[in-house]
Amino acid sequence: MTLTPKWFSRRRSDDLDRDPIPLIVALDGFLSAGSSSLLAAGQLRTEDAEVVHEFDLDSMFDYRARRPPITFRRDHYVDYVEPTLRITRHHDLAGTPYLLLSGPEPDFGWEAFAAETIDVISELGVPLTVFLGGVPMGVPHTRPPLLTMHGTRPELVDRKNFWNAEVTVPSSAQSMLEFRMREHGLDAIGYVVHVPHYLTQIEYPTAALALLEAVALKLGLSLDLEELRARQPDSISEIEQQIAEQDGEGVLHGLEEQYDIFSRGAAESLLADDASLPTGDELASQLEQFLANQRKNDQG
């Protein structure tokens, strides 16, 4: 069933340009553990995409740190994959429009990026911006993914957060943009999925699904998520095979125990200092070896 938010007014197709359309932000960068936001953005892009705004990424992108791929064919170069950062308009399965800001997270010019984005949001009358991201946490892949919700106003945060610690973390262009939006009195919320430490560097469809299901429910969107769901069994099978090869079952059990204690409210957070429980880093360190093996398999 597709839910229609109170602030969204469905009209005829020829009136869509005058409707308030929500904006979803899913950048490939610091807040993309498990490629969660990258995979989510891929599912949100549709064939009817219309470019609404394009940023001058050339002034914001570190080409030497994130070299775009190019193909050498016999005696010349072809198929250069030019990085782009755009706001595009799409429609869900029911024809409901939404905007998507996707592409690589800017490396430089964060303030200029934030100011330009806020100008576009204000010009288009975007009523709500939804940020999607993923962060590594000491959680096991054998349990349902946790989401932390945040927003520019307390009233916008309409789901309970199980992790309520206060922590200072490195900022990102995405988090700084939300901070500036709050200063400008613009409504924005965000969903951050907790990705197992040991899956940070590989694609983890389960995390992207958690984000997409949350945004679909919030915005009343009807999204086709079957492709991601179909990828889950192979992904989980590969993870468990790697864990078995690395003798990581005991470590995984420790993560599960910690998660279960936390979910029952017996711990302040997953980062709680408890002598009977190892830290997230300690639990994950033995499993992270399989990432190197995974990369070797991909390259071989």
C-alpha atoms as a PDB file:
ATOM      1  CA  MET A   1       0.000   0.000   0.000  1.00  0.00           C
ATOM      2  CA  THR A   2       1.298   3.450  -0.915  1.00  0.00           C
ATOM      3  CA  LEU A   3       1.009   6.077   1.774  1.00  0.00           C
ATOM      4  CA  THR A   4       0.502   9.739   0.862  1.00  0.00           C
ATOM      5  CA  PRO A   5       2.089  12.168   3.327  1.00  0.00           C
ATOM      6  CA  LYS A   6      -0.049  15.060   4.529  1.00  0.00           C
ATOM      7  CA  TRP A   7       2.286  17.622   3.035  1.00  0.00           C
ATOM      8  CA  PHE A   8       2.239  16.017  -0.419  1.00  0.00           C
ATOM      9  CA  SER A   9      -0.603  16.947  -2.763  1.00  0.00           C
ATOM     10  CA  ARG A  10      -1.107  14.543  -5.660  1.00  0.00           C
ATOM     11  CA  ARG A  11      -2.280  16.317  -8.838  1.00  0.00           C
ATOM     12  CA  ARG A  12      -2.604  15.615 -12.520  1.00  0.00           C
ATOM     13  CA  SER A  13       0.654  15.008 -14.408  1.00  0.00           C
ATOM     14  CA  ASP A  14       0.526  18.425 -16.078  1.00  0.00           C
ATOM     15  CA  ASP A  15       0.483  20.059 -12.649  1.00  0.00           C
ATOM     16  CA  LEU A  16       3.423  18.120 -11.167  1.00  0.00           C
ATOM     17  CA  ASP A  17       5.824  21.005 -11.730  1.00  0.00           C
ATOM     18  CA  ARG A  18       3.809  23.025  -9.211  1.00  0.00           C
ATOM     19  CA  ASP A  19       3.661  20.296  -6.576  1.00  0.00           C
ATOM     20  CA  PRO A  20       6.026  20.281  -3.606  1.00  0.00           C
ATOM     21  CA  ILE A  21       8.378  17.395  -4.334  1.00  0.00           C
ATOM     22  CA  PRO A  22      10.613  15.843  -1.642  1.00  0.00           C
ATOM     23  CA  LEU A  23      14.355  15.518  -2.129  1.00  0.00           C
ATOM     24  CA  ILE A  24      16.322  12.355  -1.277  1.00  0.00           C
ATOM     25  CA  VAL A  25      20.075  12.746  -0.757  1.00  0.00           C
ATOM     26  CA  ALA A  26      22.223   9.635  -1.268  1.00  0.00           C
ATOM     27  CA  LEU A  27      25.879  10.449  -1.842  1.00  0.00           C
ATOM     28  CA  ASP A  28      28.766   8.065  -2.420  1.00  0.00           C
ATOM     29  CA  GLY A  29      31.298   8.988   0.217  1.00  0.00           C
ATOM     30  CA  PHE A  30      32.002   9.006   3.925  1.00  0.00           C
ATOM     31  CA  LEU A  31      28.485   7.925   4.950  1.00  0.00           C
ATOM     32  CA  SER A  32      28.266   4.977   2.575  1.00  0.00           C
ATOM     33  CA  ALA A  33      29.412   1.969   4.598  1.00  0.00           C
ATOM     34  CA  GLY A  34      28.574  -1.244   2.789  1.00  0.00           C
ATOM     35  CA  SER A  35      27.886   0.907  -0.294  1.00  0.00           C
ATOM     36  CA  SER A  36      24.489   1.449   1.346  1.00  0.00           C
ATOM     37  CA  SER A  37      23.703   4.902  -0.048  1.00  0.00           C
ATOM     38  CA  LEU A  38      25.325   4.076  -3.401  1.00  0.00           C
ATOM     39  CA  LEU A  39      23.110   1.005  -3.830  1.00  0.00           C
ATOM     40  CA  ALA A  40      20.075   2.962  -2.639  1.00  0.00           C
ATOM     41  CA  ALA A  41      20.705   5.708  -5.176  1.00  0.00           C
ATOM     42  CA  GLY A  42      20.985   3.106  -7.931  1.00  0.00           C
ATOM     43  CA  GLN A  43      17.530   1.786  -7.067  1.00  0.00           C
ATOM     44  CA  LEU A  44      16.031   5.258  -6.868  1.00  0.00           C
ATOM     45  CA  ARG A  45      17.210   6.245 -10.358  1.00  0.00           C
ATOM     46  CA  THR A  46      14.616   5.586 -13.033  1.00  0.00           C
ATOM     47  CA  GLU A  47      14.612   5.609 -16.808  1.00  0.00           C
ATOM     48  CA  ASP A  48      12.473   8.753 -16.914  1.00  0.00           C
ATOM     49  CA  ALA A  49      15.104  10.751 -14.992  1.00  0.00           C
ATOM     50  CA  GLU A  50      15.132  14.472 -15.690  1.00  0.00           C
ATOM     51  CA  VAL A  51      18.119  16.601 -14.672  1.00  0.00           C
ATOM     52  CA  VAL A  52      16.905  19.463 -12.493  1.00  0.00           C
ATOM     53  CA  HIS A  53      20.278  20.815 -11.407  1.00  0.00           C
ATOM     54  CA  GLU A  54      23.915  19.889 -12.052  1.00  0.00           C
ATOM     55  CA  PHE A  55      26.803  20.924  -9.824  1.00  0.00           C
ATOM     56  CA  ASP A  56      30.215  21.949 -11.123  1.00  0.00           C
ATOM     57  CA  LEU A  57      31.843  18.840  -9.699  1.00  0.00           C
ATOM     58  CA  ASP A  58      35.176  19.632 -11.347  1.00  0.00           C
ATOM     59  CA  SER A  59      35.841  22.181  -8.595  1.00  0.00           C
ATOM     60  CA  MET A  60      34.714  19.815  -5.815  1.00  0.00           C
ATOM     61  CA  PHE A  61      36.175  16.428  -6.790  1.00  0.00           C
ATOM     62  CA  ASP A  62      39.595  15.002  -5.889  1.00  0.00           C
ATOM     63  CA  TYR A  63      40.450  13.149  -9.084  1.00  0.00           C
ATOM     64  CA  ARG A  64      43.750  11.769  -7.742  1.00  0.00           C
ATOM     65  CA  ALA A  65      42.108  10.258  -4.656  1.00  0.00           C
ATOM     66  CA  ARG A  66      39.119   8.797  -6.552  1.00  0.00           C
ATOM     67  CA  ARG A  67      40.364   8.296 -10.085  1.00  0.00           C
ATOM     68  CA  PRO A  68      37.433   7.754 -12.493  1.00  0.00           C
ATOM     69  CA  PRO A  69      37.766   4.606 -14.624  1.00  0.00           C
ATOM     70  CA  ILE A  70      38.692   4.768 -18.291  1.00  0.00           C
ATOM     71  CA  THR A  71      39.182   1.928 -20.775  1.00  0.00           C
ATOM     72  CA  PHE A  72      42.253   1.509 -23.015  1.00  0.00           C
ATOM     73  CA  ARG A  73      41.287  -0.315 -26.205  1.00  0.00           C
ATOM     74  CA  ARG A  74      44.233  -1.485 -28.332  1.00  0.00           C
ATOM     75  CA  ASP A  75      45.621   1.962 -29.207  1.00  0.00           C
ATOM     76  CA  HIS A  76      43.251   4.560 -27.723  1.00  0.00           C
ATOM     77  CA  TYR A  77      41.164   5.451 -24.687  1.00  0.00           C
ATOM     78  CA  VAL A  78      37.396   4.980 -24.622  1.00  0.00           C
ATOM     79  CA  ASP A  79      34.512   4.945 -22.170  1.00  0.00           C
ATOM     80  CA  TYR A  80      35.710   7.537 -19.668  1.00  0.00           C
ATOM     81  CA  VAL A  81      33.269   7.454 -16.737  1.00  0.00           C
ATOM     82  CA  GLU A  82      32.827  11.123 -15.933  1.00  0.00           C
ATOM     83  CA  PRO A  83      31.766  11.704 -12.318  1.00  0.00           C
ATOM     84  CA  THR A  84      28.618  13.781 -11.982  1.00  0.00           C
ATOM     85  CA  LEU A  85      26.745  15.295  -9.061  1.00  0.00           C
ATOM     86  CA  ARG A  86      23.132  16.066  -9.958  1.00  0.00           C
ATOM     87  CA  ILE A  87      19.655  16.630  -8.682  1.00  0.00           C
ATOM     88  CA  THR A  88      17.299  14.601 -10.852  1.00  0.00           C
ATOM     89  CA  ARG A  89      13.559  14.102 -10.887  1.00  0.00           C
ATOM     90  CA  HIS A  90      12.040  10.620 -10.963  1.00  0.00           C
ATOM     91  CA  HIS A  91       8.682   8.882 -10.522  1.00  0.00           C
ATOM     92  CA  ASP A  92       7.884   5.828  -8.458  1.00  0.00           C
ATOM     93  CA  LEU A  93       5.765   2.888  -9.628  1.00  0.00           C
ATOM     94  CA  ALA A  94       2.581   4.828  -8.872  1.00  0.00           C
ATOM     95  CA  GLY A  95       3.738   7.955 -10.707  1.00  0.00           C
ATOM     96  CA  THR A  96       4.600   9.922  -7.564  1.00  0.00           C
ATOM     97  CA  PRO A  97       7.502  12.298  -8.255  1.00  0.00           C
ATOM     98  CA  TYR A  98      10.583  12.732  -6.104  1.00  0.00           C
ATOM     99  CA  LEU A  99      13.950  14.421  -6.446  1.00  0.00           C
ATOM    100  CA  LEU A 100      17.283  12.664  -5.978  1.00  0.00           C
ATOM    101  CA  LEU A 101      20.634  14.257  -5.197  1.00  0.00           C
ATOM    102  CA  SER A 102      23.239  11.619  -5.983  1.00  0.00           C
ATOM    103  CA  GLY A 103      26.826  11.254  -7.057  1.00  0.00           C
ATOM    104  CA  PRO A 104      30.182  11.419  -5.291  1.00  0.00           C
ATOM    105  CA  GLU A 105      30.368  13.362  -2.055  1.00  0.00           C
ATOM    106  CA  PRO A 106      32.295  16.603  -2.722  1.00  0.00           C
ATOM    107  CA  ASP A 107      35.906  16.537  -1.539  1.00  0.00           C
ATOM    108  CA  PHE A 108      36.291  20.317  -1.694  1.00  0.00           C
ATOM    109  CA  GLY A 109      34.060  23.373  -1.512  1.00  0.00           C
ATOM    110  CA  TRP A 110      31.652  22.034   1.090  1.00  0.00           C
ATOM    111  CA  GLU A 111      30.264  25.444   1.994  1.00  0.00           C
ATOM    112  CA  ALA A 112      29.704  26.320  -1.665  1.00  0.00           C
ATOM    113  CA  PHE A 113      28.017  22.949  -2.206  1.00  0.00           C
ATOM    114  CA  ALA A 114      25.749  23.481   0.800  1.00  0.00           C
ATOM    115  CA  ALA A 115      24.836  27.022  -0.239  1.00  0.00           C
ATOM    116  CA  GLU A 116      24.075  25.941  -3.812  1.00  0.00           C
ATOM    117  CA  THR A 117      21.948  23.023  -2.635  1.00  0.00           C
ATOM    118  CA  ILE A 118      20.003  25.218  -0.220  1.00  0.00           C
ATOM    119  CA  ASP A 119      19.373  27.716  -3.029  1.00  0.00           C
ATOM    120  CA  VAL A 120      17.937  24.934  -5.220  1.00  0.00           C
ATOM    121  CA  ILE A 121      15.825  23.572  -2.359  1.00  0.00           C
ATOM    122  CA  SER A 122      14.444  27.036  -1.673  1.00  0.00           C
ATOM    123  CA  GLU A 123      13.821  27.786  -5.353  1.00  0.00           C
ATOM    124  CA  LEU A 124      11.961  24.509  -5.908  1.00  0.00           C
ATOM    125  CA  GLY A 125      10.024  24.771  -2.662  1.00  0.00           C
ATOM    126  CA  VAL A 126      11.203  21.347  -1.474  1.00  0.00           C
ATOM    127  CA  PRO A 127       9.117  20.613   1.641  1.00  0.00           C
ATOM    128  CA  LEU A 128      11.313  17.854   3.050  1.00  0.00           C
ATOM    129  CA  THR A 129      14.816  16.565   2.387  1.00  0.00           C
ATOM    130  CA  VAL A 130      15.693  12.997   3.360  1.00  0.00           C
ATOM    131  CA  PHE A 131      19.332  12.024   3.857  1.00  0.00           C
ATOM    132  CA  LEU A 132      20.438   8.390   3.498  1.00  0.00           C
ATOM    133  CA  GLY A 133      23.689   7.019   4.889  1.00  0.00           C
ATOM    134  CA  GLY A 134      25.470   4.067   6.420  1.00  0.00           C
ATOM    135  CA  VAL A 135      28.059   3.885   9.208  1.00  0.00           C
ATOM    136  CA  PRO A 136      30.169   0.962  10.463  1.00  0.00           C
ATOM    137  CA  MET A 137      29.093  -0.364  13.857  1.00  0.00           C
ATOM    138  CA  GLY A 138      29.737  -3.382  16.076  1.00  0.00           C
ATOM    139  CA  VAL A 139      26.676  -5.268  14.865  1.00  0.00           C
ATOM    140  CA  PRO A 140      26.296  -8.741  13.312  1.00  0.00           C
ATOM    141  CA  HIS A 141      24.854  -9.379   9.872  1.00  0.00           C
ATOM    142  CA  THR A 142      22.674 -12.130  11.380  1.00  0.00           C
ATOM    143  CA  ARG A 143      20.384  -9.622  13.087  1.00  0.00           C
ATOM    144  CA  PRO A 144      17.949  -7.081  11.574  1.00  0.00           C
ATOM    145  CA  PRO A 145      19.725  -3.846  10.630  1.00  0.00           C
ATOM    146  CA  LEU A 146      19.322  -0.926  13.017  1.00  0.00           C
ATOM    147  CA  LEU A 147      18.517   2.570  11.801  1.00  0.00           C
ATOM    148  CA  THR A 148      19.257   5.832  13.566  1.00  0.00           C
ATOM    149  CA  MET A 149      16.988   8.713  12.581  1.00  0.00           C
ATOM    150  CA  HIS A 150      17.846  12.399  12.873  1.00  0.00           C
ATOM    151  CA  GLY A 151      16.330  15.687  11.749  1.00  0.00           C
ATOM    152  CA  THR A 152      16.546  19.460  11.747  1.00  0.00           C
ATOM    153  CA  ARG A 153      13.562  19.648  14.145  1.00  0.00           C
ATOM    154  CA  PRO A 154      12.719  17.216  16.974  1.00  0.00           C
ATOM    155  CA  GLU A 155       9.133  16.891  15.707  1.00  0.00           C
ATOM    156  CA  LEU A 156      10.407  15.415  12.445  1.00  0.00           C
ATOM    157  CA  VAL A 157      12.057  12.447  14.167  1.00  0.00           C
ATOM    158  CA  ASP A 158       9.104  10.074  14.363  1.00  0.00           C
ATOM    159  CA  ARG A 159      10.793   6.751  15.141  1.00  0.00           C
ATOM    160  CA  LYS A 160      12.592   5.612  18.267  1.00  0.00           C
ATOM    161  CA  ASN A 161      16.357   5.455  18.143  1.00  0.00           C
ATOM    162  CA  PHE A 162      17.807   2.500  20.005  1.00  0.00           C
ATOM    163  CA  TRP A 163      21.242   4.100  20.082  1.00  0.00           C
ATOM    164  CA  ASN A 164      21.060   7.367  22.031  1.00  0.00           C
ATOM    165  CA  ALA A 165      24.695   8.094  22.843  1.00  0.00           C
ATOM    166  CA  GLU A 166      26.286  11.486  22.204  1.00  0.00           C
ATOM    167  CA  VAL A 167      29.454  11.181  20.190  1.00  0.00           C
ATOM    168  CA  THR A 168      31.664  13.534  18.205  1.00  0.00           C
ATOM    169  CA  VAL A 169      32.394  12.107  14.764  1.00  0.00           C
ATOM    170  CA  PRO A 170      34.186  13.306  11.633  1.00  0.00           C
ATOM    171  CA  SER A 171      31.830  15.413   9.548  1.00  0.00           C
ATOM    172  CA  SER A 172      30.927  14.916   5.911  1.00  0.00           C
ATOM    173  CA  ALA A 173      29.589  17.166   3.186  1.00  0.00           C
ATOM    174  CA  GLN A 174      26.235  15.460   3.720  1.00  0.00           C
ATOM    175  CA  SER A 175      26.076  16.000   7.489  1.00  0.00           C
ATOM    176  CA  MET A 176      27.324  19.568   7.122  1.00  0.00           C
ATOM    177  CA  LEU A 177      24.602  20.260   4.547  1.00  0.00           C
ATOM    178  CA  GLU A 178      21.950  19.095   6.993  1.00  0.00           C
ATOM    179  CA  PHE A 179      23.517  21.298   9.676  1.00  0.00           C
ATOM    180  CA  ARG A 180      23.313  24.346   7.387  1.00  0.00           C
ATOM    181  CA  MET A 181      19.729  23.486   6.474  1.00  0.00           C
ATOM    182  CA  ARG A 182      18.826  23.573  10.139  1.00  0.00           C
ATOM    183  CA  GLU A 183      20.356  27.047  10.395  1.00  0.00           C
ATOM    184  CA  HIS A 184      18.172  28.127   7.466  1.00  0.00           C
ATOM    185  CA  GLY A 185      15.025  26.677   9.035  1.00  0.00           C
ATOM    186  CA  LEU A 186      14.607  24.009   6.339  1.00  0.00           C
ATOM    187  CA  ASP A 187      13.003  20.666   7.146  1.00  0.00           C
ATOM    188  CA  ALA A 188      15.258  17.658   6.758  1.00  0.00           C
ATOM    189  CA  ILE A 189      15.510  14.181   8.214  1.00  0.00           C
ATOM    190  CA  GLY A 190      17.980  11.386   7.796  1.00  0.00           C
ATOM    191  CA  TYR A 191      18.259   7.644   8.175  1.00  0.00           C
ATOM    192  CA  VAL A 192      21.617   6.078   9.005  1.00  0.00           C
ATOM    193  CA  VAL A 193      21.863   2.306   8.819  1.00  0.00           C
ATOM    194  CA  HIS A 194      24.307   0.512  11.110  1.00  0.00           C
ATOM    195  CA  VAL A 195      26.539  -1.669   8.913  1.00  0.00           C
ATOM    196  CA  PRO A 196      28.657  -4.480  10.400  1.00  0.00           C
ATOM    197  CA  HIS A 197      32.282  -3.374  10.784  1.00  0.00           C
ATOM    198  CA  TYR A 198      33.506  -6.245   8.667  1.00  0.00           C
ATOM    199  CA  LEU A 199      31.258  -5.403   5.702  1.00  0.00           C
ATOM    200  CA  THR A 200      32.134  -1.719   5.402  1.00  0.00           C
ATOM    201  CA  GLN A 201      34.177  -2.071   2.221  1.00  0.00           C
ATOM    202  CA  ILE A 202      31.898  -4.377   0.234  1.00  0.00           C
ATOM    203  CA  GLU A 203      28.390  -4.087  -1.163  1.00  0.00           C
ATOM    204  CA  TYR A 204      25.837  -5.063   1.474  1.00  0.00           C
ATOM    205  CA  PRO A 205      22.330  -5.050  -0.074  1.00  0.00           C
ATOM    206  CA  THR A 206      20.633  -5.583   3.299  1.00  0.00           C
ATOM    207  CA  ALA A 207      21.740  -2.115   4.447  1.00  0.00           C
ATOM    208  CA  ALA A 208      20.475  -0.414   1.305  1.00  0.00           C
ATOM    209  CA  LEU A 209      17.135  -2.204   1.631  1.00  0.00           C
ATOM    210  CA  ALA A 210      16.711  -0.920   5.185  1.00  0.00           C
ATOM    211  CA  LEU A 211      17.253   2.653   3.980  1.00  0.00           C
ATOM    212  CA  LEU A 212      14.920   2.327   1.009  1.00  0.00           C
ATOM    213  CA  GLU A 213      12.141   0.749   3.044  1.00  0.00           C
ATOM    214  CA  ALA A 214      12.376   3.602   5.550  1.00  0.00           C
ATOM    215  CA  VAL A 215      12.273   6.343   2.922  1.00  0.00           C
ATOM    216  CA  ALA A 216       9.458   4.619   1.010  1.00  0.00           C
ATOM    217  CA  LEU A 217       7.347   4.477   4.166  1.00  0.00           C
ATOM    218  CA  LYS A 218       8.108   8.073   5.102  1.00  0.00           C
ATOM    219  CA  LEU A 219       7.433   9.571   1.679  1.00  0.00           C
ATOM    220  CA  GLY A 220       4.690   7.189   0.607  1.00  0.00           C
ATOM    221  CA  LEU A 221       6.704   5.931  -2.358  1.00  0.00           C
ATOM    222  CA  SER A 222       6.106   2.668  -4.181  1.00  0.00           C
ATOM    223  CA  LEU A 223       9.579   1.376  -5.034  1.00  0.00           C
ATOM    224  CA  ASP A 224      10.671  -1.749  -6.879  1.00  0.00           C
ATOM    225  CA  LEU A 225      13.107  -3.400  -4.471  1.00  0.00           C
ATOM    226  CA  GLU A 226      13.014  -6.920  -5.894  1.00  0.00           C
ATOM    227  CA  GLU A 227      16.452  -6.672  -7.477  1.00  0.00           C
ATOM    228  CA  LEU A 228      18.080  -5.823  -4.149  1.00  0.00           C
ATOM    229  CA  ARG A 229      16.095  -8.492  -2.319  1.00  0.00           C
ATOM    230  CA  ALA A 230      17.161 -11.074  -4.897  1.00  0.00           C
ATOM    231  CA  ARG A 231      20.817 -10.223  -4.238  1.00  0.00           C
ATOM    232  CA  GLN A 232      20.559 -10.812  -0.495  1.00  0.00           C
ATOM    233  CA  PRO A 233      20.830 -14.648  -0.383  1.00  0.00           C
ATOM    234  CA  ASP A 234      24.055 -14.763  -2.413  1.00  0.00           C
ATOM    235  CA  SER A 235      25.477 -11.868  -0.405  1.00  0.00           C
ATOM    236  CA  ILE A 236      24.740 -13.537   2.937  1.00  0.00           C
ATOM    237  CA  SER A 237      26.020 -16.899   1.700  1.00  0.00           C
ATOM    238  CA  GLU A 238      29.302 -15.348   0.599  1.00  0.00           C
ATOM    239  CA  ILE A 239      29.712 -13.510   3.916  1.00  0.00           C
ATOM    240  CA  GLU A 240      29.120 -16.658   5.946  1.00  0.00           C
ATOM    241  CA  GLN A 241      31.481 -18.668   3.770  1.00  0.00           C
ATOM    242  CA  GLN A 242      34.243 -16.118   4.334  1.00  0.00           C
ATOM    243  CA  ILE A 243      33.576 -16.074   8.078  1.00  0.00           C
ATOM    244  CA  ALA A 244      33.796 -19.876   8.204  1.00  0.00           C
ATOM    245  CA  GLU A 245      37.068 -19.863   6.268  1.00  0.00           C
ATOM    246  CA  GLN A 246      38.516 -17.342   8.707  1.00  0.00           C
ATOM    247  CA  ASP A 247      37.302 -19.283  11.766  1.00  0.00           C
ATOM    248  CA  GLY A 248      35.208 -16.296  12.709  1.00  0.00           C
ATOM    249  CA  GLU A 249      32.153 -18.054  14.142  1.00  0.00           C
ATOM    250  CA  GLY A 250      33.221 -17.329  17.717  1.00  0.00           C
ATOM    251  CA  VAL A 251      33.718 -13.672  16.955  1.00  0.00           C
ATOM    252  CA  LEU A 252      30.348 -13.517  15.225  1.00  0.00           C
ATOM    253  CA  HIS A 253      28.737 -15.121  18.276  1.00  0.00           C
ATOM    254  CA  GLY A 254      30.279 -12.390  20.410  1.00  0.00           C
ATOM    255  CA  LEU A 255      28.761  -9.716  18.187  1.00  0.00           C
ATOM    256  CA  GLU A 256      25.390 -11.440  18.368  1.00  0.00           C
ATOM    257  CA  GLU A 257      25.566 -11.590  22.160  1.00  0.00           C
ATOM    258  CA  GLN A 258      26.472  -7.917  22.367  1.00  0.00           C
ATOM    259  CA  TYR A 259      23.679  -6.971  19.970  1.00  0.00           C
ATOM    260  CA  ASP A 260      21.095  -8.997  21.894  1.00  0.00           C
ATOM    261  CA  ILE A 261      22.100  -7.477  25.234  1.00  0.00           C
ATOM    262  CA  PHE A 262      21.940  -4.025  23.710  1.00  0.00           C
ATOM    263  CA  SER A 263      18.560  -4.593  22.066  1.00  0.00           C
ATOM    264  CA  ARG A 264      17.132  -5.724  25.400  1.00  0.00           C
ATOM    265  CA  GLY A 265      18.171  -2.416  26.897  1.00  0.00           C
ATOM    266  CA  ALA A 266      20.901  -3.912  29.085  1.00  0.00           C
ATOM    267  CA  ALA A 267      23.578  -1.651  27.595  1.00  0.00           C
ATOM    268  CA  GLU A 268      23.756   2.074  26.993  1.00  0.00           C
ATOM    269  CA  SER A 269      25.100   1.615  23.483  1.00  0.00           C
ATOM    270  CA  LEU A 270      26.953  -0.773  21.235  1.00  0.00           C
ATOM    271  CA  LEU A 271      30.086   1.050  22.254  1.00  0.00           C
ATOM    272  CA  ALA A 272      29.496   0.486  25.962  1.00  0.00           C
ATOM    273  CA  ASP A 273      32.550  -0.183  28.103  1.00  0.00           C
ATOM    274  CA  ASP A 274      31.818  -3.603  29.591  1.00  0.00           C
ATOM    275  CA  ALA A 275      34.653  -5.846  30.697  1.00  0.00           C
ATOM    276  CA  SER A 276      32.599  -8.933  29.885  1.00  0.00           C
ATOM    277  CA  LEU A 277      32.096  -7.870  26.285  1.00  0.00           C
ATOM    278  CA  PRO A 278      34.809  -7.136  23.715  1.00  0.00           C
ATOM    279  CA  THR A 279      34.707  -3.859  21.859  1.00  0.00           C
ATOM    280  CA  GLY A 280      33.299  -3.617  18.362  1.00  0.00           C
ATOM    281  CA  ASP A 281      36.799  -3.205  16.933  1.00  0.00           C
ATOM    282  CA  GLU A 282      38.081  -6.263  18.764  1.00  0.00           C
ATOM    283  CA  LEU A 283      35.141  -8.357  17.614  1.00  0.00           C
ATOM    284  CA  ALA A 284      35.469  -7.212  14.027  1.00  0.00           C
ATOM    285  CA  SER A 285      39.246  -7.389  13.617  1.00  0.00           C
ATOM    286  CA  GLN A 286      39.352 -11.146  12.999  1.00  0.00           C
ATOM    287  CA  LEU A 287      36.595 -10.918  10.407  1.00  0.00           C
ATOM    288  CA  GLU A 288      38.000  -7.988   8.421  1.00  0.00           C
ATOM    289  CA  GLN A 289      40.625 -10.273   6.905  1.00  0.00           C
ATOM    290  CA  PHE A 290      38.005 -11.657   4.571  1.00  0.00           C
ATOM    291  CA  LEU A 291      37.697  -8.240   2.923  1.00  0.00           C
ATOM    292  CA  ALA A 292      41.224  -8.610   1.582  1.00  0.00           C
ATOM    293  CA  ASN A 293      40.341 -12.035   0.253  1.00  0.00           C
ATOM    294  CA  GLN A 294      37.190 -10.642  -1.303  1.00  0.00           C
ATOM    295  CA  ARG A 295      39.115  -7.907  -3.103  1.00  0.00           C
ATOM    296  CA  LYS A 296      41.620 -10.461  -4.397  1.00  0.00           C
ATOM    297  CA  ASN A 297      38.771 -12.585  -5.737  1.00  0.00           C
ATOM    298  CA  ASP A 298      37.218  -9.578  -7.468  1.00  0.00           C
ATOM    299  CA  GLN A 299      40.519  -8.667  -9.122  1.00  0.00           C
ATOM    300  CA  GLY A 300      41.393 -12.254 -10.057  1.00  0.00           C
END
